[in-house]
Amino acid sequence: MARDLELDLVEVADKATPPVCRIMDYGRYKYQAAQRAKESRKKSTNVVVKEMKYRPKIGQADFETKTRRIERFLGEGHKVKVTIMFRGREMQHPELGKKILDEVAEQVAHVGRVEIYPRLDGRNMTMVLAPDRKAQAQNGRGRRSGAGSRLADSGATAPEAVTTESADGA
């Protein structure tokens, strides 16, 4: 019957009694199986973890540059491990590192979320950020303003206009 239809007779289950066979175009079947496998590989994602290192005494410009880089990594769909490296007496003030990590998380909240919260591992404090598709869709993947808010949080003061009155009323 398979020869009459110009198809193949394929044994499906040889252990069954009687053995189960199927009439099919085996070349076409193998081609379709390869296409399904290729499609499933295309849909799978390879998660890459990028790392960005900060120091407790990081300058404002360096902080903003590194944070923009983290935003880009998250926008590309990568996870980001943020590390604060402590040296010497800096270990006595882990709250400075925690403050920086919190600020990074706040700055990139529109493209990512905190997956692993900050924790101290020896001389390093680490945090892992993951891309947040919902937040990216909601914010249109655009950069947000307000990147300079770290000055206010760090306790540094910007020059302000000060008015003083003298004792004689002049």
N, C-alpha and C. Protein backbone atom coordinates (compact mmCIF):
# COMPACT_ATOMS: atom_id res chain seq x y z
N MET A 1 0.83 -1.19 0.00
CA MET A 1 0.00 0.00 0.00
C MET A 1 0.89 1.26 0.00
N ALA A 2 2.02 1.25 0.75
CA ALA A 2 2.93 2.40 0.79
C ALA A 2 3.57 2.63 -0.57
N ARG A 3 3.96 1.56 -1.25
CA ARG A 3 4.56 1.72 -2.58
C ARG A 3 3.56 2.30 -3.57
N ASP A 4 2.29 1.88 -3.48
CA ASP A 4 1.27 2.40 -4.39
C ASP A 4 1.10 3.91 -4.21
N LEU A 5 1.21 4.39 -2.96
CA LEU A 5 1.06 5.82 -2.67
C LEU A 5 2.38 6.58 -2.80
N GLU A 6 3.48 5.88 -3.11
CA GLU A 6 4.83 6.44 -3.21
C GLU A 6 5.24 7.13 -1.90
N LEU A 7 4.93 6.44 -0.80
CA LEU A 7 5.31 6.93 0.53
C LEU A 7 6.17 5.89 1.22
N ASP A 8 6.59 6.17 2.47
CA ASP A 8 7.44 5.26 3.23
C ASP A 8 6.63 4.54 4.29
N LEU A 9 7.01 3.31 4.60
CA LEU A 9 6.42 2.53 5.68
C LEU A 9 7.37 2.65 6.86
N VAL A 10 6.93 3.35 7.92
CA VAL A 10 7.80 3.65 9.06
C VAL A 10 7.30 2.88 10.27
N GLU A 11 8.21 2.16 10.92
CA GLU A 11 7.86 1.42 12.13
C GLU A 11 7.86 2.40 13.29
N VAL A 12 6.72 2.56 13.96
CA VAL A 12 6.56 3.54 15.04
C VAL A 12 6.88 2.92 16.39
N ALA A 13 6.29 1.76 16.69
CA ALA A 13 6.51 1.09 17.98
C ALA A 13 6.85 -0.37 17.70
N ASP A 14 8.13 -0.70 17.80
CA ASP A 14 8.56 -2.06 17.50
C ASP A 14 8.31 -3.03 18.65
N LYS A 15 8.16 -2.53 19.88
CA LYS A 15 7.96 -3.40 21.04
C LYS A 15 6.51 -3.86 21.18
N ALA A 16 5.58 -3.15 20.55
CA ALA A 16 4.16 -3.49 20.66
C ALA A 16 3.88 -4.79 19.92
N THR A 17 2.81 -5.49 20.32
CA THR A 17 2.40 -6.71 19.60
C THR A 17 1.01 -6.48 19.05
N PRO A 18 0.81 -6.47 17.80
CA PRO A 18 1.80 -6.52 16.73
C PRO A 18 2.51 -5.17 16.60
N PRO A 19 3.71 -5.12 15.97
CA PRO A 19 4.43 -3.85 15.80
C PRO A 19 3.57 -2.83 15.05
N VAL A 20 3.68 -1.56 15.47
CA VAL A 20 2.86 -0.50 14.88
C VAL A 20 3.68 0.19 13.79
N CYS A 21 3.09 0.30 12.59
CA CYS A 21 3.73 0.96 11.46
C CYS A 21 2.84 2.08 10.96
N ARG A 22 3.46 3.02 10.23
CA ARG A 22 2.71 4.15 9.71
C ARG A 22 3.17 4.43 8.29
N ILE A 23 2.21 4.81 7.44
CA ILE A 23 2.55 5.18 6.07
C ILE A 23 2.69 6.70 6.03
N MET A 24 3.89 7.18 5.69
CA MET A 24 4.13 8.63 5.69
C MET A 24 5.29 8.97 4.75
N ASP A 25 5.43 10.27 4.48
CA ASP A 25 6.59 10.75 3.72
C ASP A 25 7.66 11.07 4.77
N TYR A 26 8.62 10.17 4.95
CA TYR A 26 9.59 10.29 6.03
C TYR A 26 10.52 11.50 5.85
N GLY A 27 10.89 11.81 4.62
CA GLY A 27 11.73 12.98 4.36
C GLY A 27 11.05 14.26 4.79
N ARG A 28 9.76 14.37 4.49
CA ARG A 28 8.99 15.55 4.90
C ARG A 28 8.88 15.62 6.41
N TYR A 29 8.67 14.47 7.06
CA TYR A 29 8.55 14.41 8.51
C TYR A 29 9.84 14.90 9.16
N LYS A 30 11.00 14.44 8.68
CA LYS A 30 12.28 14.87 9.25
C LYS A 30 12.50 16.37 9.04
N TYR A 31 12.11 16.89 7.86
CA TYR A 31 12.25 18.31 7.57
C TYR A 31 11.41 19.14 8.55
N GLN A 32 10.15 18.73 8.76
CA GLN A 32 9.27 19.47 9.67
C GLN A 32 9.79 19.41 11.11
N ALA A 33 10.33 18.27 11.52
CA ALA A 33 10.89 18.16 12.87
C ALA A 33 12.08 19.10 13.03
N ALA A 34 12.91 19.20 12.00
CA ALA A 34 14.07 20.11 12.05
C ALA A 34 13.60 21.56 12.13
N GLN A 35 12.54 21.90 11.39
CA GLN A 35 12.00 23.27 11.42
C GLN A 35 11.45 23.61 12.80
N ARG A 36 10.74 22.66 13.43
CA ARG A 36 10.21 22.89 14.78
C ARG A 36 11.34 23.10 15.78
N ALA A 37 12.40 22.30 15.67
CA ALA A 37 13.54 22.44 16.57
C ALA A 37 14.22 23.79 16.38
N LYS A 38 14.35 24.21 15.13
CA LYS A 38 14.97 25.51 14.83
C LYS A 38 14.14 26.65 15.41
N GLU A 39 12.84 26.55 15.27
CA GLU A 39 11.93 27.59 15.79
C GLU A 39 12.01 27.66 17.31
N SER A 40 12.08 26.52 17.98
CA SER A 40 12.15 26.53 19.45
C SER A 40 13.49 27.11 19.92
N ARG A 41 14.57 26.86 19.18
CA ARG A 41 15.85 27.46 19.54
C ARG A 41 15.81 28.97 19.36
N LYS A 42 15.11 29.43 18.36
CA LYS A 42 15.01 30.86 18.09
C LYS A 42 14.26 31.57 19.21
N LYS A 43 13.24 30.92 19.76
CA LYS A 43 12.43 31.55 20.81
C LYS A 43 13.11 31.53 22.17
N SER A 44 14.04 30.61 22.38
CA SER A 44 14.70 30.55 23.68
C SER A 44 15.68 31.71 23.79
N THR A 45 15.87 32.20 25.01
CA THR A 45 16.78 33.32 25.21
C THR A 45 17.97 32.85 26.03
N ASN A 46 19.12 33.39 25.73
CA ASN A 46 20.34 33.08 26.46
C ASN A 46 20.58 34.24 27.43
N VAL A 47 20.42 34.00 28.72
CA VAL A 47 20.54 35.06 29.70
C VAL A 47 22.01 35.34 29.98
N VAL A 48 22.38 36.59 29.83
CA VAL A 48 23.75 37.02 30.07
C VAL A 48 23.73 37.94 31.29
N VAL A 49 24.68 37.72 32.20
CA VAL A 49 24.78 38.58 33.38
C VAL A 49 25.97 39.50 33.18
N LYS A 50 25.70 40.78 33.08
CA LYS A 50 26.76 41.79 32.97
C LYS A 50 27.08 42.27 34.39
N GLU A 51 28.25 42.83 34.58
CA GLU A 51 28.62 43.32 35.90
C GLU A 51 29.12 44.76 35.80
N MET A 52 28.70 45.58 36.75
CA MET A 52 29.17 46.96 36.82
C MET A 52 29.69 47.18 38.24
N LYS A 53 30.91 47.70 38.35
CA LYS A 53 31.52 47.89 39.66
C LYS A 53 31.57 49.36 40.02
N TYR A 54 31.21 49.65 41.26
CA TYR A 54 31.23 51.01 41.81
C TYR A 54 32.15 51.01 43.02
N ARG A 55 32.53 52.21 43.44
CA ARG A 55 33.28 52.41 44.69
C ARG A 55 32.45 53.32 45.57
N PRO A 56 32.61 53.26 46.90
CA PRO A 56 31.81 54.12 47.79
C PRO A 56 32.04 55.61 47.55
N LYS A 57 33.24 55.99 47.12
CA LYS A 57 33.55 57.41 46.92
C LYS A 57 33.47 57.79 45.44
N ILE A 58 32.52 57.25 44.71
CA ILE A 58 32.41 57.50 43.27
C ILE A 58 31.95 58.93 43.02
N GLY A 59 32.49 59.52 41.98
CA GLY A 59 32.11 60.89 41.61
C GLY A 59 30.76 60.90 40.90
N GLN A 60 30.16 62.07 40.86
CA GLN A 60 28.82 62.20 40.26
C GLN A 60 28.82 61.82 38.78
N ALA A 61 29.80 62.28 38.02
CA ALA A 61 29.84 62.00 36.58
C ALA A 61 30.06 60.51 36.33
N ASP A 62 30.95 59.89 37.09
CA ASP A 62 31.19 58.45 36.93
C ASP A 62 29.94 57.65 37.29
N PHE A 63 29.26 58.08 38.35
CA PHE A 63 28.03 57.41 38.76
C PHE A 63 27.00 57.46 37.64
N GLU A 64 26.80 58.64 37.06
CA GLU A 64 25.80 58.78 36.00
C GLU A 64 26.18 57.97 34.76
N THR A 65 27.46 57.95 34.41
CA THR A 65 27.91 57.19 33.24
C THR A 65 27.67 55.70 33.44
N LYS A 66 28.07 55.19 34.59
CA LYS A 66 27.90 53.76 34.86
C LYS A 66 26.42 53.39 34.93
N THR A 67 25.61 54.27 35.50
CA THR A 67 24.18 54.00 35.61
C THR A 67 23.52 54.00 34.23
N ARG A 68 23.94 54.91 33.35
CA ARG A 68 23.42 54.90 31.97
C ARG A 68 23.79 53.59 31.28
N ARG A 69 24.99 53.11 31.54
CA ARG A 69 25.43 51.85 30.95
C ARG A 69 24.56 50.68 31.44
N ILE A 70 24.22 50.71 32.72
CA ILE A 70 23.34 49.68 33.29
C ILE A 70 21.97 49.75 32.63
N GLU A 71 21.45 50.95 32.42
CA GLU A 71 20.16 51.12 31.74
C GLU A 71 20.21 50.49 30.36
N ARG A 72 21.31 50.71 29.64
CA ARG A 72 21.44 50.14 28.31
C ARG A 72 21.46 48.61 28.35
N PHE A 73 22.21 48.03 29.31
CA PHE A 73 22.26 46.58 29.44
C PHE A 73 20.87 46.02 29.72
N LEU A 74 20.13 46.67 30.64
CA LEU A 74 18.78 46.19 30.97
C LEU A 74 17.86 46.33 29.77
N GLY A 75 18.00 47.41 29.02
CA GLY A 75 17.19 47.61 27.82
C GLY A 75 17.44 46.54 26.77
N GLU A 76 18.67 46.01 26.73
CA GLU A 76 19.01 44.95 25.79
C GLU A 76 18.54 43.58 26.28
N GLY A 77 18.03 43.52 27.53
CA GLY A 77 17.50 42.26 28.05
C GLY A 77 18.48 41.47 28.90
N HIS A 78 19.62 42.07 29.28
CA HIS A 78 20.60 41.38 30.10
C HIS A 78 20.33 41.63 31.58
N LYS A 79 20.73 40.68 32.43
CA LYS A 79 20.72 40.93 33.86
C LYS A 79 22.01 41.66 34.19
N VAL A 80 22.00 42.45 35.28
CA VAL A 80 23.19 43.22 35.66
C VAL A 80 23.47 43.00 37.13
N LYS A 81 24.72 42.61 37.41
CA LYS A 81 25.18 42.46 38.79
C LYS A 81 25.93 43.73 39.14
N VAL A 82 25.44 44.46 40.12
CA VAL A 82 26.06 45.72 40.53
C VAL A 82 26.87 45.43 41.80
N THR A 83 28.16 45.78 41.77
CA THR A 83 29.06 45.48 42.88
C THR A 83 29.66 46.77 43.41
N ILE A 84 29.63 46.92 44.73
CA ILE A 84 30.33 48.02 45.40
C ILE A 84 31.57 47.39 46.04
N MET A 85 32.74 47.88 45.66
CA MET A 85 33.99 47.33 46.20
C MET A 85 34.48 48.23 47.33
N PHE A 86 34.69 47.65 48.50
CA PHE A 86 35.18 48.39 49.65
C PHE A 86 36.66 48.10 49.83
N ARG A 87 37.42 49.14 50.24
CA ARG A 87 38.83 48.97 50.56
C ARG A 87 39.11 49.58 51.92
N GLY A 88 39.97 48.93 52.68
CA GLY A 88 40.44 49.47 53.95
C GLY A 88 39.32 49.87 54.90
N ARG A 89 39.34 51.12 55.32
CA ARG A 89 38.38 51.60 56.32
C ARG A 89 36.98 51.80 55.75
N GLU A 90 36.85 51.73 54.43
CA GLU A 90 35.52 51.86 53.83
C GLU A 90 34.60 50.74 54.32
N MET A 91 35.20 49.62 54.76
CA MET A 91 34.40 48.50 55.26
C MET A 91 33.60 48.87 56.50
N GLN A 92 34.03 49.94 57.20
CA GLN A 92 33.34 50.36 58.42
C GLN A 92 32.01 51.05 58.12
N HIS A 93 31.79 51.40 56.84
CA HIS A 93 30.58 52.13 56.48
C HIS A 93 29.83 51.47 55.32
N PRO A 94 29.27 50.29 55.54
CA PRO A 94 28.53 49.63 54.45
C PRO A 94 27.27 50.38 54.06
N GLU A 95 26.80 51.27 54.93
CA GLU A 95 25.60 52.05 54.59
C GLU A 95 25.83 52.97 53.40
N LEU A 96 27.09 53.39 53.17
CA LEU A 96 27.40 54.21 52.00
C LEU A 96 27.20 53.39 50.72
N GLY A 97 27.64 52.15 50.74
CA GLY A 97 27.45 51.27 49.59
C GLY A 97 25.98 50.97 49.36
N LYS A 98 25.24 50.75 50.45
CA LYS A 98 23.80 50.46 50.33
C LYS A 98 23.08 51.66 49.74
N LYS A 99 23.50 52.88 50.12
CA LYS A 99 22.87 54.09 49.60
C LYS A 99 23.10 54.20 48.09
N ILE A 100 24.31 53.87 47.64
CA ILE A 100 24.62 53.92 46.20
C ILE A 100 23.80 52.88 45.45
N LEU A 101 23.71 51.67 45.98
CA LEU A 101 22.93 50.62 45.31
C LEU A 101 21.45 50.99 45.25
N ASP A 102 20.94 51.58 46.32
CA ASP A 102 19.54 52.02 46.30
C ASP A 102 19.32 53.10 45.25
N GLU A 103 20.27 54.00 45.12
CA GLU A 103 20.16 55.07 44.12
C GLU A 103 20.20 54.50 42.71
N VAL A 104 21.08 53.50 42.48
CA VAL A 104 21.14 52.86 41.16
C VAL A 104 19.80 52.20 40.85
N ALA A 105 19.25 51.48 41.82
CA ALA A 105 17.96 50.81 41.62
C ALA A 105 16.86 51.82 41.30
N GLU A 106 16.90 52.96 41.98
CA GLU A 106 15.90 54.01 41.74
C GLU A 106 16.06 54.61 40.34
N GLN A 107 17.31 54.82 39.92
CA GLN A 107 17.58 55.43 38.61
C GLN A 107 17.14 54.53 37.46
N VAL A 108 17.23 53.21 37.62
CA VAL A 108 16.91 52.29 36.53
C VAL A 108 15.57 51.60 36.72
N ALA A 109 14.75 52.11 37.63
CA ALA A 109 13.45 51.48 37.91
C ALA A 109 12.54 51.45 36.69
N HIS A 110 12.77 52.36 35.73
CA HIS A 110 11.92 52.40 34.54
C HIS A 110 12.28 51.33 33.51
N VAL A 111 13.41 50.65 33.67
CA VAL A 111 13.78 49.57 32.75
C VAL A 111 14.07 48.25 33.45
N GLY A 112 14.24 48.27 34.76
CA GLY A 112 14.59 47.04 35.46
C GLY A 112 14.06 47.02 36.88
N ARG A 113 14.20 45.86 37.49
CA ARG A 113 13.77 45.69 38.88
C ARG A 113 14.87 44.94 39.63
N VAL A 114 14.86 45.08 40.95
CA VAL A 114 15.85 44.41 41.77
C VAL A 114 15.45 42.94 41.89
N GLU A 115 16.34 42.05 41.48
CA GLU A 115 16.07 40.62 41.59
C GLU A 115 16.66 40.06 42.88
N ILE A 116 17.91 40.42 43.18
CA ILE A 116 18.54 40.02 44.44
C ILE A 116 18.93 41.30 45.15
N TYR A 117 18.37 41.51 46.34
CA TYR A 117 18.60 42.74 47.08
C TYR A 117 20.04 42.81 47.59
N PRO A 118 20.52 44.04 47.90
CA PRO A 118 21.93 44.21 48.30
C PRO A 118 22.29 43.36 49.51
N ARG A 119 23.47 42.71 49.40
CA ARG A 119 24.00 41.96 50.53
C ARG A 119 25.51 42.05 50.50
N LEU A 120 26.10 41.95 51.69
CA LEU A 120 27.54 42.08 51.83
C LEU A 120 28.20 40.71 51.70
N ASP A 121 29.12 40.57 50.76
CA ASP A 121 29.89 39.34 50.57
C ASP A 121 31.36 39.68 50.74
N GLY A 122 31.88 39.50 51.91
CA GLY A 122 33.29 39.83 52.16
C GLY A 122 33.51 41.33 52.03
N ARG A 123 34.37 41.74 51.09
CA ARG A 123 34.66 43.16 50.90
C ARG A 123 33.79 43.78 49.81
N ASN A 124 32.84 43.03 49.29
CA ASN A 124 31.97 43.54 48.23
C ASN A 124 30.51 43.49 48.66
N MET A 125 29.75 44.46 48.20
CA MET A 125 28.30 44.45 48.39
C MET A 125 27.71 44.31 46.99
N THR A 126 26.84 43.31 46.81
CA THR A 126 26.31 43.04 45.48
C THR A 126 24.80 43.10 45.45
N MET A 127 24.29 43.40 44.25
CA MET A 127 22.86 43.44 43.99
C MET A 127 22.67 43.02 42.54
N VAL A 128 21.61 42.29 42.23
CA VAL A 128 21.35 41.87 40.86
C VAL A 128 20.07 42.53 40.37
N LEU A 129 20.15 43.15 39.18
CA LEU A 129 19.01 43.79 38.54
C LEU A 129 18.61 42.95 37.34
N ALA A 130 17.30 42.84 37.11
CA ALA A 130 16.80 42.10 35.95
C ALA A 130 15.93 43.04 35.12
N PRO A 131 15.89 42.83 33.81
CA PRO A 131 15.02 43.68 32.98
C PRO A 131 13.56 43.47 33.35
N ASP A 132 12.80 44.55 33.36
CA ASP A 132 11.38 44.50 33.69
C ASP A 132 10.59 44.92 32.46
N ARG A 133 10.06 43.96 31.74
CA ARG A 133 9.35 44.24 30.48
C ARG A 133 8.12 45.12 30.70
N LYS A 134 7.42 44.92 31.81
CA LYS A 134 6.22 45.73 32.07
C LYS A 134 6.59 47.21 32.23
N ALA A 135 7.64 47.46 33.02
CA ALA A 135 8.05 48.84 33.26
C ALA A 135 8.57 49.47 31.97
N GLN A 136 9.31 48.70 31.15
CA GLN A 136 9.83 49.22 29.90
C GLN A 136 8.69 49.59 28.96
N ALA A 137 7.67 48.75 28.89
CA ALA A 137 6.53 49.02 28.01
C ALA A 137 5.76 50.25 28.51
N GLN A 138 5.63 50.35 29.82
CA GLN A 138 4.88 51.46 30.41
C GLN A 138 5.57 52.80 30.18
N ASN A 139 6.90 52.81 30.26
CA ASN A 139 7.66 54.05 30.11
C ASN A 139 8.17 54.28 28.71
N GLY A 140 7.85 53.42 27.78
CA GLY A 140 8.27 53.62 26.40
C GLY A 140 9.77 53.51 26.18
N ARG A 141 10.47 52.83 27.08
CA ARG A 141 11.92 52.60 26.99
C ARG A 141 12.74 53.87 26.89
N GLY A 142 12.17 55.02 27.18
CA GLY A 142 12.92 56.28 27.07
C GLY A 142 13.69 56.56 28.33
N ARG A 143 14.72 57.40 28.20
CA ARG A 143 15.47 57.80 29.38
C ARG A 143 14.66 58.79 30.18
N ARG A 144 14.77 58.72 31.46
CA ARG A 144 14.03 59.68 32.25
C ARG A 144 14.97 60.74 32.77
N SER A 145 14.43 61.88 33.06
CA SER A 145 15.27 62.96 33.57
C SER A 145 15.43 62.81 35.07
N GLY A 146 16.24 63.65 35.66
CA GLY A 146 16.44 63.60 37.10
C GLY A 146 17.63 62.75 37.49
N ALA A 147 18.59 62.57 36.61
CA ALA A 147 19.75 61.73 36.92
C ALA A 147 20.65 62.40 37.95
N GLY A 148 20.51 63.68 38.15
CA GLY A 148 21.38 64.38 39.09
C GLY A 148 20.85 64.43 40.51
N SER A 149 19.89 63.57 40.85
CA SER A 149 19.31 63.63 42.18
C SER A 149 20.25 63.07 43.24
N ARG A 150 21.37 62.47 42.86
CA ARG A 150 22.29 61.87 43.82
C ARG A 150 22.94 62.93 44.70
N LEU A 151 23.14 64.13 44.18
CA LEU A 151 23.74 65.19 44.98
C LEU A 151 22.92 65.47 46.22
N ALA A 152 21.62 65.57 46.06
CA ALA A 152 20.76 65.87 47.19
C ALA A 152 20.76 64.73 48.20
N ASP A 153 20.80 63.49 47.73
CA ASP A 153 20.75 62.34 48.62
C ASP A 153 22.06 62.13 49.37
N SER A 154 23.18 62.54 48.79
CA SER A 154 24.47 62.26 49.39
C SER A 154 24.81 63.23 50.52
N GLY A 155 24.01 64.26 50.68
CA GLY A 155 24.26 65.22 51.73
C GLY A 155 25.10 66.39 51.25
N ALA A 156 25.59 66.34 50.01
CA ALA A 156 26.36 67.45 49.46
C ALA A 156 25.40 68.60 49.17
N THR A 157 25.91 69.80 49.29
CA THR A 157 25.02 70.95 49.07
C THR A 157 25.44 71.69 47.82
N ALA A 158 24.46 72.09 47.08
CA ALA A 158 24.69 72.91 45.90
C ALA A 158 24.63 74.37 46.33
N PRO A 159 25.32 75.27 45.62
CA PRO A 159 25.27 76.67 46.00
C PRO A 159 23.85 77.22 45.90
N GLU A 160 23.43 77.95 46.89
CA GLU A 160 22.09 78.52 46.90
C GLU A 160 22.18 80.03 47.07
N ALA A 161 21.13 80.69 46.66
CA ALA A 161 21.07 82.14 46.87
C ALA A 161 20.70 82.38 48.33
N VAL A 162 21.54 83.11 49.02
CA VAL A 162 21.31 83.34 50.44
C VAL A 162 21.06 84.83 50.64
N THR A 163 19.97 85.13 51.31
CA THR A 163 19.70 86.54 51.64
C THR A 163 19.87 86.73 53.12
N THR A 164 20.56 87.73 53.49
CA THR A 164 20.77 88.00 54.90
C THR A 164 20.34 89.43 55.20
N GLU A 165 19.87 89.60 56.40
CA GLU A 165 19.50 90.95 56.84
C GLU A 165 20.43 91.35 57.94
N SER A 166 20.89 92.54 57.90
CA SER A 166 21.78 92.99 58.97
C SER A 166 20.95 93.45 60.17
N ALA A 167 21.59 93.60 61.27
CA ALA A 167 20.90 93.96 62.51
C ALA A 167 20.30 95.37 62.45
N ASP A 168 20.88 96.28 61.63
CA ASP A 168 20.35 97.63 61.59
C ASP A 168 19.21 97.79 60.59
N GLY A 169 18.77 96.69 59.93
CA GLY A 169 17.61 96.73 59.05
C GLY A 169 17.94 97.15 57.64
N ALA A 170 19.19 97.33 57.30
CA ALA A 170 19.56 97.78 55.97
C ALA A 170 19.72 96.65 55.00
